[in-house]
């Protein structure tokens, strides 16, 4: 996998990293949490669109399954006794 996106020049990537370094750890951490939340909202919207019949619990379980993968999800269900 190429570390430089195909639509980005090396100079632009260097500038982006320079700016991110100047932001500091706390700001970068906040940005990471915001991106994680945004991803979860997008996955949740996709689940709701594909499965309008799902109640809240099923939506949350399906989002979790998609985000952690089938193997870990099945293990979690087994360990907690949850049903899906």
C-alpha atoms as a PDB file:
ATOM      1  CA  UNK A   1       0.000   0.000   0.000  1.00  0.00           C
ATOM      2  CA  UNK A   2       1.338   3.407  -0.946  1.00  0.00           C
ATOM      3  CA  UNK A   3       1.713   5.794   1.994  1.00  0.00           C
ATOM      4  CA  UNK A   4       0.990   8.803  -0.242  1.00  0.00           C
ATOM      5  CA  UNK A   5      -2.595   9.079  -1.533  1.00  0.00           C
ATOM      6  CA  UNK A   6      -2.741   9.218  -5.325  1.00  0.00           C
ATOM      7  CA  UNK A   7      -4.409  12.650  -5.270  1.00  0.00           C
ATOM      8  CA  UNK A   8      -1.791  14.209  -2.970  1.00  0.00           C
ATOM      9  CA  UNK A   9       1.660  15.525  -3.793  1.00  0.00           C
ATOM     10  CA  UNK A  10       4.597  14.796  -1.535  1.00  0.00           C
ATOM     11  CA  UNK A  11       4.892  18.526  -0.758  1.00  0.00           C
ATOM     12  CA  UNK A  12       1.218  18.703   0.264  1.00  0.00           C
ATOM     13  CA  UNK A  13       1.589  15.635   2.476  1.00  0.00           C
ATOM     14  CA  UNK A  14       4.646  17.111   4.184  1.00  0.00           C
ATOM     15  CA  UNK A  15       2.721  20.353   4.820  1.00  0.00           C
ATOM     16  CA  UNK A  16      -0.232  18.409   6.239  1.00  0.00           C
ATOM     17  CA  UNK A  17       2.038  16.566   8.687  1.00  0.00           C
ATOM     18  CA  UNK A  18       3.747  19.823   9.632  1.00  0.00           C
ATOM     19  CA  UNK A  19       0.393  21.393  10.470  1.00  0.00           C
ATOM     20  CA  UNK A  20      -0.780  18.323  12.399  1.00  0.00           C
ATOM     21  CA  UNK A  21       2.425  18.297  14.466  1.00  0.00           C
ATOM     22  CA  UNK A  22       1.884  21.943  15.404  1.00  0.00           C
ATOM     23  CA  UNK A  23      -1.654  21.223  16.606  1.00  0.00           C
ATOM     24  CA  UNK A  24      -0.410  19.234  19.560  1.00  0.00           C
ATOM     25  CA  UNK A  25      -1.354  15.895  21.007  1.00  0.00           C
ATOM     26  CA  UNK A  26      -4.663  16.932  22.613  1.00  0.00           C
ATOM     27  CA  UNK A  27      -6.075  18.472  19.431  1.00  0.00           C
ATOM     28  CA  UNK A  28      -4.990  15.491  17.320  1.00  0.00           C
ATOM     29  CA  UNK A  29      -6.563  13.121  19.844  1.00  0.00           C
ATOM     30  CA  UNK A  30      -9.811  15.095  19.758  1.00  0.00           C
ATOM     31  CA  UNK A  31      -9.767  14.946  15.947  1.00  0.00           C
ATOM     32  CA  UNK A  32      -9.250  11.169  16.067  1.00  0.00           C
ATOM     33  CA  UNK A  33     -12.224  10.715  18.405  1.00  0.00           C
ATOM     34  CA  UNK A  34     -14.382  12.925  16.180  1.00  0.00           C
ATOM     35  CA  UNK A  35     -13.419  10.880  13.108  1.00  0.00           C
ATOM     36  CA  UNK A  36     -14.228   7.678  14.990  1.00  0.00           C
ATOM     37  CA  UNK A  37     -17.639   9.059  16.000  1.00  0.00           C
ATOM     38  CA  UNK A  38     -18.328  10.168  12.432  1.00  0.00           C
ATOM     39  CA  UNK A  39     -17.470   6.705  11.119  1.00  0.00           C
ATOM     40  CA  UNK A  40     -19.818   5.109  13.641  1.00  0.00           C
ATOM     41  CA  UNK A  41     -22.648   7.470  12.643  1.00  0.00           C
ATOM     42  CA  UNK A  42     -22.112   6.618   8.965  1.00  0.00           C
ATOM     43  CA  UNK A  43     -22.083   2.868   9.672  1.00  0.00           C
ATOM     44  CA  UNK A  44     -25.198   3.228  11.830  1.00  0.00           C
ATOM     45  CA  UNK A  45     -27.008   5.153   9.076  1.00  0.00           C
ATOM     46  CA  UNK A  46     -26.107   2.407   6.595  1.00  0.00           C
ATOM     47  CA  UNK A  47     -27.443  -0.291   8.923  1.00  0.00           C
ATOM     48  CA  UNK A  48     -30.692   1.619   9.453  1.00  0.00           C
ATOM     49  CA  UNK A  49     -31.068   2.083   5.692  1.00  0.00           C
ATOM     50  CA  UNK A  50     -30.447  -1.592   4.906  1.00  0.00           C
ATOM     51  CA  UNK A  51     -32.490  -2.910   7.858  1.00  0.00           C
ATOM     52  CA  UNK A  52     -35.418  -0.597   8.663  1.00  0.00           C
ATOM     53  CA  UNK A  53     -36.977  -3.478  10.607  1.00  0.00           C
ATOM     54  CA  UNK A  54     -34.150  -3.502  13.201  1.00  0.00           C
ATOM     55  CA  UNK A  55     -34.872  -2.103  16.655  1.00  0.00           C
ATOM     56  CA  UNK A  56     -32.233  -0.029  18.504  1.00  0.00           C
ATOM     57  CA  UNK A  57     -30.576  -3.059  20.092  1.00  0.00           C
ATOM     58  CA  UNK A  58     -30.225  -4.850  16.753  1.00  0.00           C
ATOM     59  CA  UNK A  59     -28.886  -1.694  15.096  1.00  0.00           C
ATOM     60  CA  UNK A  60     -26.258  -1.305  17.822  1.00  0.00           C
ATOM     61  CA  UNK A  61     -25.274  -4.969  17.645  1.00  0.00           C
ATOM     62  CA  UNK A  62     -24.955  -4.863  13.845  1.00  0.00           C
ATOM     63  CA  UNK A  63     -22.845  -1.696  14.023  1.00  0.00           C
ATOM     64  CA  UNK A  64     -20.624  -3.404  16.572  1.00  0.00           C
ATOM     65  CA  UNK A  65     -20.336  -6.503  14.364  1.00  0.00           C
ATOM     66  CA  UNK A  66     -19.342  -4.430  11.359  1.00  0.00           C
ATOM     67  CA  UNK A  67     -16.764  -2.468  13.323  1.00  0.00           C
ATOM     68  CA  UNK A  68     -15.082  -5.309  15.236  1.00  0.00           C
ATOM     69  CA  UNK A  69     -15.507  -8.153  12.735  1.00  0.00           C
ATOM     70  CA  UNK A  70     -17.396 -11.434  12.810  1.00  0.00           C
ATOM     71  CA  UNK A  71     -14.874 -13.457  14.802  1.00  0.00           C
ATOM     72  CA  UNK A  72     -14.642 -11.065  17.737  1.00  0.00           C
ATOM     73  CA  UNK A  73     -18.372 -10.319  17.571  1.00  0.00           C
ATOM     74  CA  UNK A  74     -19.287 -14.011  17.822  1.00  0.00           C
ATOM     75  CA  UNK A  75     -16.902 -14.393  20.755  1.00  0.00           C
ATOM     76  CA  UNK A  76     -18.478 -11.395  22.475  1.00  0.00           C
ATOM     77  CA  UNK A  77     -21.981 -12.845  21.979  1.00  0.00           C
ATOM     78  CA  UNK A  78     -20.839 -16.178  23.381  1.00  0.00           C
ATOM     79  CA  UNK A  79     -19.139 -14.582  26.391  1.00  0.00           C
ATOM     80  CA  UNK A  80     -22.069 -12.302  27.230  1.00  0.00           C
ATOM     81  CA  UNK A  81     -24.903 -14.664  26.338  1.00  0.00           C
ATOM     82  CA  UNK A  82     -26.372 -12.033  23.994  1.00  0.00           C
ATOM     83  CA  UNK A  83     -28.627 -13.073  21.127  1.00  0.00           C
ATOM     84  CA  UNK A  84     -28.674 -11.551  17.703  1.00  0.00           C
END
